[in-house]
Structure formats: C-alpha cells, structure tokens
PDB file of N, CA and C in Angstrom:
ATOM      1  N   UNK A   1      37.377  15.677  19.064  1.00  0.00           N
ATOM      2  CA  UNK A   1      37.023  17.030  18.567  1.00  0.00           C
ATOM      3  C   UNK A   1      36.897  18.032  19.630  1.00  0.00           C
ATOM      4  N   UNK A   2      36.630  19.088  19.578  1.00  0.00           N
ATOM      5  CA  UNK A   2      36.493  19.772  20.115  1.00  0.00           C
ATOM      6  C   UNK A   2      36.051  21.363  19.837  1.00  0.00           C
ATOM      7  N   UNK A   3      35.261  22.325  20.480  1.00  0.00           N
ATOM      8  CA  UNK A   3      34.856  23.835  20.142  1.00  0.00           C
ATOM      9  C   UNK A   3      35.676  25.006  20.085  1.00  0.00           C
ATOM     10  N   UNK A   4      36.030  25.318  19.906  1.00  0.00           N
ATOM     11  CA  UNK A   4      37.218  26.620  19.702  1.00  0.00           C
ATOM     12  C   UNK A   4      36.302  27.363  19.537  1.00  0.00           C
ATOM     13  N   UNK A   5      37.400  28.740  19.736  1.00  0.00           N
ATOM     14  CA  UNK A   5      36.563  30.621  19.377  1.00  0.00           C
ATOM     15  C   UNK A   5      37.572  30.436  17.724  1.00  0.00           C
ATOM     16  N   UNK A   6      36.885  31.114  17.042  1.00  0.00           N
ATOM     17  CA  UNK A   6      36.948  31.063  15.623  1.00  0.00           C
ATOM     18  C   UNK A   6      37.984  32.513  15.456  1.00  0.00           C
ATOM     19  N   UNK A   7      38.789  32.320  14.958  1.00  0.00           N
ATOM     20  CA  UNK A   7      39.996  33.602  14.631  1.00  0.00           C
ATOM     21  C   UNK A   7      39.751  34.751  13.919  1.00  0.00           C
ATOM     22  N   UNK A   8      39.589  35.639  13.968  1.00  0.00           N
ATOM     23  CA  UNK A   8      39.212  37.081  13.206  1.00  0.00           C
ATOM     24  C   UNK A   8      38.053  37.369  13.438  1.00  0.00           C
ATOM     25  N   UNK A   9      37.550  36.936  14.289  1.00  0.00           N
ATOM     26  CA  UNK A   9      35.675  37.701  14.990  1.00  0.00           C
ATOM     27  C   UNK A   9      35.957  39.160  16.045  1.00  0.00           C
ATOM     28  N   UNK A  10      34.997  39.366  16.045  1.00  0.00           N
ATOM     29  CA  UNK A  10      34.613  40.911  16.663  1.00  0.00           C
ATOM     30  C   UNK A  10      34.411  39.825  18.059  1.00  0.00           C
ATOM     31  N   UNK A  11      35.128  41.073  19.007  1.00  0.00           N
ATOM     32  CA  UNK A  11      35.173  40.315  20.715  1.00  0.00           C
ATOM     33  C   UNK A  11      33.658  40.077  21.282  1.00  0.00           C
ATOM     34  N   UNK A  12      32.836  41.972  20.726  1.00  0.00           N
ATOM     35  CA  UNK A  12      31.478  41.478  21.236  1.00  0.00           C
ATOM     36  C   UNK A  12      30.603  40.298  21.014  1.00  0.00           C
ATOM     37  N   UNK A  13      31.262  40.367  19.632  1.00  0.00           N
ATOM     38  CA  UNK A  13      30.186  38.933  19.255  1.00  0.00           C
ATOM     39  C   UNK A  13      31.173  37.520  18.405  1.00  0.00           C
ATOM     40  N   UNK A  14      31.291  36.887  19.584  1.00  0.00           N
ATOM     41  CA  UNK A  14      32.339  35.721  19.305  1.00  0.00           C
ATOM     42  C   UNK A  14      31.557  34.720  18.741  1.00  0.00           C
ATOM     43  N   UNK A  15      32.479  33.908  18.164  1.00  0.00           N
ATOM     44  CA  UNK A  15      31.480  32.668  17.017  1.00  0.00           C
ATOM     45  C   UNK A  15      32.831  31.735  17.503  1.00  0.00           C
ATOM     46  N   UNK A  16      32.511  30.474  16.963  1.00  0.00           N
ATOM     47  CA  UNK A  16      32.887  29.118  17.927  1.00  0.00           C
ATOM     48  C   UNK A  16      32.719  28.309  16.421  1.00  0.00           C
ATOM     49  N   UNK A  17      33.818  27.494  16.452  1.00  0.00           N
ATOM     50  CA  UNK A  17      33.969  26.048  15.026  1.00  0.00           C
ATOM     51  C   UNK A  17      34.156  25.228  15.724  1.00  0.00           C
ATOM     52  N   UNK A  18      34.230  24.069  14.909  1.00  0.00           N
ATOM     53  CA  UNK A  18      34.190  22.832  15.555  1.00  0.00           C
ATOM     54  C   UNK A  18      35.846  22.284  15.091  1.00  0.00           C
ATOM     55  N   UNK A  19      36.964  21.769  15.763  1.00  0.00           N
ATOM     56  CA  UNK A  19      38.322  21.302  15.110  1.00  0.00           C
ATOM     57  C   UNK A  19      38.356  20.269  15.672  1.00  0.00           C
ATOM     58  N   UNK A  20      39.214  19.478  15.587  1.00  0.00           N
ATOM     59  CA  UNK A  20      39.946  17.773  15.521  1.00  0.00           C
ATOM     60  C   UNK A  20      40.769  18.656  16.763  1.00  0.00           C
ATOM     61  N   UNK A  21      41.366  17.529  17.117  1.00  0.00           N
ATOM     62  CA  UNK A  21      42.448  17.217  18.363  1.00  0.00           C
ATOM     63  C   UNK A  21      43.777  18.480  18.211  1.00  0.00           C
ATOM     64  N   UNK A  22      44.124  18.181  16.619  1.00  0.00           N
ATOM     65  CA  UNK A  22      44.773  19.069  16.447  1.00  0.00           C
ATOM     66  C   UNK A  22      44.812  20.476  16.183  1.00  0.00           C
ATOM     67  N   UNK A  23      43.633  21.294  16.521  1.00  0.00           N
ATOM     68  CA  UNK A  23      43.171  22.637  16.004  1.00  0.00           C
ATOM     69  C   UNK A  23      43.152  22.665  14.526  1.00  0.00           C
ATOM     70  N   UNK A  24      42.615  21.620  14.086  1.00  0.00           N
ATOM     71  CA  UNK A  24      42.538  21.790  12.518  1.00  0.00           C
ATOM     72  C   UNK A  24      40.884  21.738  12.449  1.00  0.00           C
ATOM     73  N   UNK A  25      40.428  23.113  11.917  1.00  0.00           N
ATOM     74  CA  UNK A  25      38.790  23.037  11.555  1.00  0.00           C
ATOM     75  C   UNK A  25      38.220  22.072  11.095  1.00  0.00           C
ATOM     76  N   UNK A  26      36.952  21.331  11.289  1.00  0.00           N
ATOM     77  CA  UNK A  26      36.511  20.754  10.690  1.00  0.00           C
ATOM     78  C   UNK A  26      35.322  20.745  10.128  1.00  0.00           C
ATOM     79  N   UNK A  27      34.699  22.161  10.885  1.00  0.00           N
ATOM     80  CA  UNK A  27      33.161  23.008  10.574  1.00  0.00           C
ATOM     81  C   UNK A  27      33.064  24.112  10.856  1.00  0.00           C
ATOM     82  N   UNK A  28      32.991  25.164  10.035  1.00  0.00           N
ATOM     83  CA  UNK A  28      32.782  26.217  10.478  1.00  0.00           C
ATOM     84  C   UNK A  28      31.182  27.015  10.281  1.00  0.00           C
ATOM     85  N   UNK A  29      30.561  26.587   9.925  1.00  0.00           N
ATOM     86  CA  UNK A  29      28.881  26.824   9.738  1.00  0.00           C
ATOM     87  C   UNK A  29      28.699  27.534   7.997  1.00  0.00           C
ATOM     88  N   UNK A  30      29.859  26.836   7.506  1.00  0.00           N
ATOM     89  CA  UNK A  30      29.525  27.790   6.132  1.00  0.00           C
ATOM     90  C   UNK A  30      30.338  28.965   6.023  1.00  0.00           C
ATOM     91  N   UNK A  31      31.396  29.110   6.805  1.00  0.00           N
ATOM     92  CA  UNK A  31      32.354  30.194   6.926  1.00  0.00           C
ATOM     93  C   UNK A  31      32.099  31.251   7.967  1.00  0.00           C
ATOM     94  N   UNK A  32      30.620  30.961   8.589  1.00  0.00           N
ATOM     95  CA  UNK A  32      30.521  32.313   9.745  1.00  0.00           C
ATOM     96  C   UNK A  32      30.716  31.936  11.057  1.00  0.00           C
ATOM     97  N   UNK A  33      30.637  30.696  10.991  1.00  0.00           N
ATOM     98  CA  UNK A  33      30.959  30.202  12.813  1.00  0.00           C
ATOM     99  C   UNK A  33      29.433  30.273  13.269  1.00  0.00           C
ATOM    100  N   UNK A  34      30.040  29.535  14.403  1.00  0.00           N
ATOM    101  CA  UNK A  34      28.214  29.124  15.369  1.00  0.00           C
ATOM    102  C   UNK A  34      28.315  30.709  16.130  1.00  0.00           C
ATOM    103  N   UNK A  35      27.189  31.024  16.769  1.00  0.00           N
ATOM    104  CA  UNK A  35      26.804  31.718  17.538  1.00  0.00           C
ATOM    105  C   UNK A  35      26.785  31.432  18.838  1.00  0.00           C
ATOM    106  N   UNK A  36      27.148  30.624  19.115  1.00  0.00           N
ATOM    107  CA  UNK A  36      27.348  29.995  20.881  1.00  0.00           C
ATOM    108  C   UNK A  36      28.206  28.543  20.657  1.00  0.00           C
ATOM    109  N   UNK A  37      28.825  28.527  21.840  1.00  0.00           N
ATOM    110  CA  UNK A  37      29.230  26.995  21.988  1.00  0.00           C
ATOM    111  C   UNK A  37      28.288  25.817  21.777  1.00  0.00           C
ATOM    112  N   UNK A  38      26.882  26.293  22.964  1.00  0.00           N
ATOM    113  CA  UNK A  38      26.059  25.253  22.741  1.00  0.00           C
ATOM    114  C   UNK A  38      25.463  24.875  21.434  1.00  0.00           C
ATOM    115  N   UNK A  39      25.600  25.834  20.477  1.00  0.00           N
ATOM    116  CA  UNK A  39      25.000  25.573  19.180  1.00  0.00           C
ATOM    117  C   UNK A  39      26.275  24.946  18.471  1.00  0.00           C
ATOM    118  N   UNK A  40      27.305  24.905  18.552  1.00  0.00           N
ATOM    119  CA  UNK A  40      28.307  24.343  18.048  1.00  0.00           C
ATOM    120  C   UNK A  40      28.586  23.008  18.319  1.00  0.00           C
ATOM    121  N   UNK A  41      28.398  22.533  19.783  1.00  0.00           N
ATOM    122  CA  UNK A  41      28.277  21.353  20.319  1.00  0.00           C
ATOM    123  C   UNK A  41      27.312  20.378  19.822  1.00  0.00           C
ATOM    124  N   UNK A  42      26.020  21.218  20.060  1.00  0.00           N
ATOM    125  CA  UNK A  42      25.116  20.211  19.219  1.00  0.00           C
ATOM    126  C   UNK A  42      25.291  19.895  17.888  1.00  0.00           C
ATOM    127  N   UNK A  43      25.389  20.856  17.090  1.00  0.00           N
ATOM    128  CA  UNK A  43      25.922  20.239  15.421  1.00  0.00           C
ATOM    129  C   UNK A  43      27.039  19.547  15.508  1.00  0.00           C
ATOM    130  N   UNK A  44      27.833  19.253  16.473  1.00  0.00           N
ATOM    131  CA  UNK A  44      28.932  18.452  16.437  1.00  0.00           C
ATOM    132  C   UNK A  44      28.483  17.246  16.459  1.00  0.00           C
ATOM    133  N   UNK A  45      27.327  17.247  17.570  1.00  0.00           N
ATOM    134  CA  UNK A  45      27.059  15.473  18.284  1.00  0.00           C
ATOM    135  C   UNK A  45      26.295  15.105  16.847  1.00  0.00           C
ATOM    136  N   UNK A  46      25.104  16.205  16.131  1.00  0.00           N
ATOM    137  CA  UNK A  46      24.595  15.966  14.780  1.00  0.00           C
ATOM    138  C   UNK A  46      25.267  15.136  13.852  1.00  0.00           C
ATOM    139  N   UNK A  47      26.565  16.145  13.612  1.00  0.00           N
ATOM    140  CA  UNK A  47      26.851  15.842  12.370  1.00  0.00           C
ATOM    141  C   UNK A  47      28.062  14.682  12.331  1.00  0.00           C
ATOM    142  N   UNK A  48      28.933  14.777  13.907  1.00  0.00           N
ATOM    143  CA  UNK A  48      29.543  13.595  14.140  1.00  0.00           C
ATOM    144  C   UNK A  48      29.556  12.846  15.077  1.00  0.00           C
ATOM    145  N   UNK A  49      28.563  12.385  15.384  1.00  0.00           N
ATOM    146  CA  UNK A  49      28.664  11.638  16.962  1.00  0.00           C
ATOM    147  C   UNK A  49      27.685  10.804  16.438  1.00  0.00           C
ATOM    148  N   UNK A  50      26.754  10.458  15.301  1.00  0.00           N
ATOM    149  CA  UNK A  50      25.320   9.580  14.817  1.00  0.00           C
ATOM    150  C   UNK A  50      23.954  10.483  15.350  1.00  0.00           C
ATOM    151  N   UNK A  51      24.254  11.446  15.490  1.00  0.00           N
ATOM    152  CA  UNK A  51      22.540  12.436  16.255  1.00  0.00           C
ATOM    153  C   UNK A  51      21.644  11.975  15.001  1.00  0.00           C
ATOM    154  N   UNK A  52      22.177  12.310  13.789  1.00  0.00           N
ATOM    155  CA  UNK A  52      21.507  12.005  12.651  1.00  0.00           C
ATOM    156  C   UNK A  52      20.957  10.650  12.314  1.00  0.00           C
ATOM    157  N   UNK A  53      21.750   9.711  12.376  1.00  0.00           N
ATOM    158  CA  UNK A  53      21.134   8.586  12.306  1.00  0.00           C
ATOM    159  C   UNK A  53      20.363   7.896  13.233  1.00  0.00           C
ATOM    160  N   UNK A  54      20.665   8.217  14.483  1.00  0.00           N
ATOM    161  CA  UNK A  54      19.667   8.168  15.155  1.00  0.00           C
ATOM    162  C   UNK A  54      18.075   8.492  15.394  1.00  0.00           C
ATOM    163  N   UNK A  55      18.474  10.016  14.567  1.00  0.00           N
ATOM    164  CA  UNK A  55      17.032  10.489  14.615  1.00  0.00           C
ATOM    165  C   UNK A  55      16.425   9.575  13.651  1.00  0.00           C
ATOM    166  N   UNK A  56      16.793   9.322  11.992  1.00  0.00           N
ATOM    167  CA  UNK A  56      16.794   7.989  11.342  1.00  0.00           C
ATOM    168  C   UNK A  56      16.353   6.775  11.530  1.00  0.00           C
ATOM    169  N   UNK A  57      16.700   6.242  12.839  1.00  0.00           N
ATOM    170  CA  UNK A  57      16.123   5.105  13.229  1.00  0.00           C
ATOM    171  C   UNK A  57      14.809   5.167  13.678  1.00  0.00           C
ATOM    172  N   UNK A  58      15.363   6.184  14.843  1.00  0.00           N
ATOM    173  CA  UNK A  58      13.523   6.631  15.422  1.00  0.00           C
ATOM    174  C   UNK A  58      12.477   6.363  14.641  1.00  0.00           C
ATOM    175  N   UNK A  59      12.495   7.700  13.512  1.00  0.00           N
ATOM    176  CA  UNK A  59      11.453   7.743  12.800  1.00  0.00           C
ATOM    177  C   UNK A  59      11.142   6.222  11.977  1.00  0.00           C
ATOM    178  N   UNK A  60      11.934   5.451  11.544  1.00  0.00           N
ATOM    179  CA  UNK A  60      11.949   4.938  10.743  1.00  0.00           C
ATOM    180  C   UNK A  60      10.652   3.531  11.828  1.00  0.00           C
ATOM    181  N   UNK A  61      10.971   3.360  12.806  1.00  0.00           N
ATOM    182  CA  UNK A  61      10.490   2.966  14.129  1.00  0.00           C
ATOM    183  C   UNK A  61       9.177   2.991  14.301  1.00  0.00           C
ATOM    184  N   UNK A  62       9.053   4.536  14.102  1.00  0.00           N
ATOM    185  CA  UNK A  62       7.506   4.713  14.205  1.00  0.00           C
ATOM    186  C   UNK A  62       6.946   4.552  13.048  1.00  0.00           C
ATOM    187  N   UNK A  63       7.395   4.993  12.232  1.00  0.00           N
ATOM    188  CA  UNK A  63       6.493   4.659  10.694  1.00  0.00           C
ATOM    189  C   UNK A  63       6.210   3.447  10.571  1.00  0.00           C
ATOM    190  N   UNK A  64       7.017   1.858  10.897  1.00  0.00           N
ATOM    191  CA  UNK A  64       6.679   0.851  10.955  1.00  0.00           C
ATOM    192  C   UNK A  64       5.626   0.482  11.560  1.00  0.00           C
ATOM    193  N   UNK A  65       5.849   0.921  13.112  1.00  0.00           N
ATOM    194  CA  UNK A  65       4.903   1.011  14.010  1.00  0.00           C
ATOM    195  C   UNK A  65       3.651   1.223  13.290  1.00  0.00           C
ATOM    196  N   UNK A  66       3.592   2.762  13.039  1.00  0.00           N
ATOM    197  CA  UNK A  66       2.121   2.692  12.632  1.00  0.00           C
ATOM    198  C   UNK A  66       1.665   2.427  11.182  1.00  0.00           C
ATOM    199  N   UNK A  67       2.445   1.926  10.372  1.00  0.00           N
ATOM    200  CA  UNK A  67       2.005   0.850   9.173  1.00  0.00           C
ATOM    201  C   UNK A  67       1.785  -0.716   9.879  1.00  0.00           C
ATOM    202  N   UNK A  68       1.623  -0.735  10.750  1.00  0.00           N
ATOM    203  CA  UNK A  68       1.622  -2.066  10.977  1.00  0.00           C
ATOM    204  C   UNK A  68       0.311  -2.299  11.947  1.00  0.00           C
ATOM    205  N   UNK A  69      -0.140  -1.319  12.323  1.00  0.00           N
ATOM    206  CA  UNK A  69      -1.616  -0.591  13.020  1.00  0.00           C
ATOM    207  C   UNK A  69      -2.384   0.371  11.956  1.00  0.00           C
ATOM    208  N   UNK A  70      -3.425  -0.751  11.023  1.00  0.00           N
ATOM    209  CA  UNK A  70      -3.775   0.321  10.350  1.00  0.00           C
ATOM    210  C   UNK A  70      -4.983   1.280  10.838  1.00  0.00           C
ATOM    211  N   UNK A  71      -4.853   2.628  10.628  1.00  0.00           N
ATOM    212  CA  UNK A  71      -5.673   3.527  11.209  1.00  0.00           C
ATOM    213  C   UNK A  71      -5.709   4.292  12.324  1.00  0.00           C
ATOM    214  N   UNK A  72      -4.210   3.813  13.191  1.00  0.00           N
ATOM    215  CA  UNK A  72      -4.196   4.027  14.481  1.00  0.00           C
ATOM    216  C   UNK A  72      -3.819   5.596  14.060  1.00  0.00           C
ATOM    217  N   UNK A  73      -2.901   5.882  13.038  1.00  0.00           N
ATOM    218  CA  UNK A  73      -2.511   7.822  13.292  1.00  0.00           C
ATOM    219  C   UNK A  73      -3.474   8.231  13.034  1.00  0.00           C
ATOM    220  N   UNK A  74      -4.286   7.782  12.681  1.00  0.00           N
ATOM    221  CA  UNK A  74      -6.117   8.879  11.943  1.00  0.00           C
ATOM    222  C   UNK A  74      -6.636   9.048  13.623  1.00  0.00           C
ATOM    223  N   UNK A  75      -6.486   8.124  14.005  1.00  0.00           N
ATOM    224  CA  UNK A  75      -7.328   7.490  15.153  1.00  0.00           C
ATOM    225  C   UNK A  75      -6.802   8.905  16.268  1.00  0.00           C
ATOM    226  N   UNK A  76      -5.019   8.362  16.428  1.00  0.00           N
ATOM    227  CA  UNK A  76      -4.745   9.557  17.460  1.00  0.00           C
ATOM    228  C   UNK A  76      -4.744  11.150  17.067  1.00  0.00           C
ATOM    229  N   UNK A  77      -4.569  11.675  15.836  1.00  0.00           N
ATOM    230  CA  UNK A  77      -4.977  12.436  15.202  1.00  0.00           C
ATOM    231  C   UNK A  77      -6.156  13.498  15.606  1.00  0.00           C
ATOM    232  N   UNK A  78      -7.302  12.480  15.488  1.00  0.00           N
ATOM    233  CA  UNK A  78      -8.648  12.734  15.732  1.00  0.00           C
ATOM    234  C   UNK A  78      -8.698  13.205  16.991  1.00  0.00           C
ATOM    235  N   UNK A  79      -7.876  11.856  18.560  1.00  0.00           N
ATOM    236  CA  UNK A  79      -8.444  12.256  19.669  1.00  0.00           C
ATOM    237  C   UNK A  79      -7.795  13.596  19.752  1.00  0.00           C
ATOM    238  N   UNK A  80      -6.744  14.406  19.076  1.00  0.00           N
ATOM    239  CA  UNK A  80      -6.276  15.580  19.957  1.00  0.00           C
ATOM    240  C   UNK A  80      -7.221  16.251  19.177  1.00  0.00           C
ATOM    241  N   UNK A  81      -7.181  16.003  18.163  1.00  0.00           N
ATOM    242  CA  UNK A  81      -8.470  17.209  17.306  1.00  0.00           C
ATOM    243  C   UNK A  81      -9.771  17.324  18.298  1.00  0.00           C
ATOM    244  N   UNK A  82     -10.510  16.594  18.610  1.00  0.00           N
ATOM    245  CA  UNK A  82     -11.434  16.498  19.495  1.00  0.00           C
ATOM    246  C   UNK A  82     -10.944  17.034  20.799  1.00  0.00           C
ATOM    247  N   UNK A  83     -10.257  16.879  21.671  1.00  0.00           N
ATOM    248  CA  UNK A  83      -9.905  17.397  22.824  1.00  0.00           C
ATOM    249  C   UNK A  83      -8.964  18.089  22.875  1.00  0.00           C
ATOM    250  N   UNK A  84      -8.898  18.747  22.041  1.00  0.00           N
ATOM    251  CA  UNK A  84      -7.659  20.151  22.304  1.00  0.00           C
ATOM    252  C   UNK A  84      -7.768  20.356  23.476  1.00  0.00           C
ATOM    253  N   UNK A  85      -9.048  21.540  23.627  1.00  0.00           N
ATOM    254  CA  UNK A  85      -9.179  22.080  24.701  1.00  0.00           C
ATOM    255  C   UNK A  85      -9.117  21.573  25.988  1.00  0.00           C
ATOM    256  N   UNK A  86      -9.436  19.961  26.159  1.00  0.00           N
ATOM    257  CA  UNK A  86      -9.328  19.329  27.531  1.00  0.00           C
ATOM    258  C   UNK A  86      -7.787  18.964  27.864  1.00  0.00           C
ATOM    259  N   UNK A  87      -6.970  18.640  26.385  1.00  0.00           N
ATOM    260  CA  UNK A  87      -5.749  18.494  26.494  1.00  0.00           C
ATOM    261  C   UNK A  87      -4.990  19.609  27.368  1.00  0.00           C
ATOM    262  N   UNK A  88      -5.538  20.716  26.835  1.00  0.00           N
ATOM    263  CA  UNK A  88      -4.677  21.926  26.834  1.00  0.00           C
ATOM    264  C   UNK A  88      -4.987  22.252  28.732  1.00  0.00           C
ATOM    265  N   UNK A  89      -6.261  21.842  29.043  1.00  0.00           N
ATOM    266  CA  UNK A  89      -6.883  22.331  30.846  1.00  0.00           C
ATOM    267  C   UNK A  89      -6.294  21.244  31.860  1.00  0.00           C
ATOM    268  N   UNK A  90      -5.627  19.989  31.183  1.00  0.00           N
ATOM    269  CA  UNK A  90      -4.952  19.218  31.474  1.00  0.00           C
ATOM    270  C   UNK A  90      -6.528  17.890  32.061  1.00  0.00           C
ATOM    271  N   UNK A  91      -7.380  18.491  31.548  1.00  0.00           N
ATOM    272  CA  UNK A  91      -8.601  17.192  31.709  1.00  0.00           C
ATOM    273  C   UNK A  91      -8.421  15.948  31.355  1.00  0.00           C
ATOM    274  N   UNK A  92      -7.648  15.736  29.971  1.00  0.00           N
ATOM    275  CA  UNK A  92      -7.320  14.917  29.216  1.00  0.00           C
ATOM    276  C   UNK A  92      -5.928  14.376  29.242  1.00  0.00           C
ATOM    277  N   UNK A  93      -5.204  13.196  29.783  1.00  0.00           N
ATOM    278  CA  UNK A  93      -4.047  13.284  29.998  1.00  0.00           C
ATOM    279  C   UNK A  93      -3.214  12.024  28.667  1.00  0.00           C
ATOM    280  N   UNK A  94      -1.905  12.074  29.121  1.00  0.00           N
ATOM    281  CA  UNK A  94      -1.596  10.881  28.322  1.00  0.00           C
ATOM    282  C   UNK A  94      -1.681   9.871  28.541  1.00  0.00           C
ATOM    283  N   UNK A  95      -2.190   9.527  29.879  1.00  0.00           N
ATOM    284  CA  UNK A  95      -2.820   7.904  30.296  1.00  0.00           C
ATOM    285  C   UNK A  95      -4.522   7.963  29.660  1.00  0.00           C
ATOM    286  N   UNK A  96      -4.828   8.697  29.503  1.00  0.00           N
ATOM    287  CA  UNK A  96      -6.265   8.602  29.109  1.00  0.00           C
ATOM    288  C   UNK A  96      -6.511   8.115  27.815  1.00  0.00           C
ATOM    289  N   UNK A  97      -5.307   9.199  26.680  1.00  0.00           N
ATOM    290  CA  UNK A  97      -5.502   8.909  25.233  1.00  0.00           C
ATOM    291  C   UNK A  97      -5.079   7.294  25.329  1.00  0.00           C
ATOM    292  N   UNK A  98      -3.776   6.793  25.668  1.00  0.00           N
ATOM    293  CA  UNK A  98      -3.495   5.609  25.459  1.00  0.00           C
ATOM    294  C   UNK A  98      -4.525   4.470  26.120  1.00  0.00           C
ATOM    295  N   UNK A  99      -5.360   4.555  26.844  1.00  0.00           N
ATOM    296  CA  UNK A  99      -6.218   3.919  27.629  1.00  0.00           C
ATOM    297  C   UNK A  99      -7.242   3.735  26.256  1.00  0.00           C
ATOM    298  N   UNK A 100      -7.524   4.990  25.680  1.00  0.00           N
ATOM    299  CA  UNK A 100      -8.280   4.906  24.506  1.00  0.00           C
ATOM    300  C   UNK A 100      -8.060   3.627  23.347  1.00  0.00           C
ATOM    301  N   UNK A 101      -6.478   4.229  23.552  1.00  0.00           N
ATOM    302  CA  UNK A 101      -5.840   3.330  22.155  1.00  0.00           C
ATOM    303  C   UNK A 101      -5.888   1.744  22.627  1.00  0.00           C
ATOM    304  N   UNK A 102      -5.824   1.793  23.830  1.00  0.00           N
ATOM    305  CA  UNK A 102      -5.930  -0.132  24.284  1.00  0.00           C
ATOM    306  C   UNK A 102      -7.073  -0.650  23.961  1.00  0.00           C
ATOM    307  N   UNK A 103      -7.826   0.280  24.504  1.00  0.00           N
ATOM    308  CA  UNK A 103      -9.363  -0.522  23.980  1.00  0.00           C
ATOM    309  C   UNK A 103     -10.266  -0.211  23.162  1.00  0.00           C
ATOM    310  N   UNK A 104      -9.008   0.301  22.034  1.00  0.00           N
ATOM    311  CA  UNK A 104      -9.219   0.619  20.546  1.00  0.00           C
ATOM    312  C   UNK A 104      -9.074  -0.674  20.087  1.00  0.00           C
ATOM    313  N   UNK A 105      -7.704  -0.691  19.789  1.00  0.00           N
ATOM    314  CA  UNK A 105      -6.600  -1.272  18.820  1.00  0.00           C
ATOM    315  C   UNK A 105      -5.773  -2.579  19.816  1.00  0.00           C
ATOM    316  N   UNK A 106      -6.128  -2.427  21.259  1.00  0.00           N
ATOM    317  CA  UNK A 106      -5.253  -3.923  21.980  1.00  0.00           C
ATOM    318  C   UNK A 106      -4.280  -3.498  21.903  1.00  0.00           C
ATOM    319  N   UNK A 107      -3.511  -2.358  22.070  1.00  0.00           N
ATOM    320  CA  UNK A 107      -2.099  -2.620  22.095  1.00  0.00           C
ATOM    321  C   UNK A 107      -1.498  -1.171  23.192  1.00  0.00           C
ATOM    322  N   UNK A 108      -0.135  -1.339  23.594  1.00  0.00           N
ATOM    323  CA  UNK A 108      -0.102  -0.514  24.612  1.00  0.00           C
ATOM    324  C   UNK A 108       1.361   0.141  23.375  1.00  0.00           C
ATOM    325  N   UNK A 109       1.092   1.425  23.490  1.00  0.00           N
ATOM    326  CA  UNK A 109       1.760   2.594  22.303  1.00  0.00           C
ATOM    327  C   UNK A 109       2.636   2.722  23.023  1.00  0.00           C
ATOM    328  N   UNK A 110       4.008   3.267  22.860  1.00  0.00           N
ATOM    329  CA  UNK A 110       5.069   3.726  23.359  1.00  0.00           C
ATOM    330  C   UNK A 110       4.507   5.285  23.639  1.00  0.00           C
ATOM    331  N   UNK A 111       4.885   6.344  24.605  1.00  0.00           N
ATOM    332  CA  UNK A 111       4.630   7.153  24.515  1.00  0.00           C
ATOM    333  C   UNK A 111       5.286   8.854  24.187  1.00  0.00           C
ATOM    334  N   UNK A 112       6.706   8.103  23.220  1.00  0.00           N
ATOM    335  CA  UNK A 112       7.337   8.787  22.570  1.00  0.00           C
ATOM    336  C   UNK A 112       6.709   9.224  21.123  1.00  0.00           C
ATOM    337  N   UNK A 113       5.914   7.863  20.962  1.00  0.00           N
ATOM    338  CA  UNK A 113       4.887   8.173  19.845  1.00  0.00           C
ATOM    339  C   UNK A 113       3.660   8.986  19.501  1.00  0.00           C
ATOM    340  N   UNK A 114       3.112   9.390  20.673  1.00  0.00           N
ATOM    341  CA  UNK A 114       1.853  10.100  20.893  1.00  0.00           C
ATOM    342  C   UNK A 114       2.417  11.265  20.474  1.00  0.00           C
ATOM    343  N   UNK A 115       3.747  12.082  20.734  1.00  0.00           N
ATOM    344  CA  UNK A 115       3.808  13.519  20.214  1.00  0.00           C
ATOM    345  C   UNK A 115       3.844  13.418  18.802  1.00  0.00           C
ATOM    346  N   UNK A 116       3.585  14.952  18.895  1.00  0.00           N
ATOM    347  CA  UNK A 116       2.822  15.429  17.189  1.00  0.00           C
ATOM    348  C   UNK A 116       4.181  16.212  17.131  1.00  0.00           C
TER     349      UNK A 116
END
C-alpha cells in the first residue's frame, strides 16, 4: 500500500488517498481525500496495519489490571486532583506517585497506566 496524490484536486490544496500497489484507490476519506501525507499514513496504519487492534488490546489489558486492584483507579484520580498544582510545578513526579501506589497497594504499576 502507498499514499498517492488524489486526482482532480486543486494545486493549492492537494489531497491524498491510500492506494494498493496497482494504484487502485482503497481509501479516500469518504471522497474528500486526506489533507496531508502524514494524516493519510496515520489512517493507513490505523485501518490496515493493525493499529486499531493494538489500541483495543492495550485498553483491555489496562481495564483488566485496574479490575484486579479494587480502588486503585480512584486512588490515582484522587492523587491527581489533590496534587494538581504540585504536578504542574514539577514538585510531585511520576516516581512519587508510583511510590505512593507501591506503599498502599504493594504493586509496581506500569508508567503507561498513570497517563490520563
């Protein structure tokens, strides 16, 4: 698959489409075309190269993790709400939050699960 310039588009406003190796159009953003090559490549990755499934798998693992430890998600939200200003100033770091979780729940939480 590749990204090519859409036919019949204005020269000052180029649009791009996703095509197969024989230049047959596979996706054209509902007829409008993608505004940039980057957005066309992003859509190609998401739709045709497993991006959607990878995202769903990550979300499933995260939900299963929080389901295993009752009250963990609320505890993390409370930490963010209480320490909002300190986090923005850099006084409270991700490591400090992970340490509090380790003291309360006795687990090492992956950093990606702390992202809101």
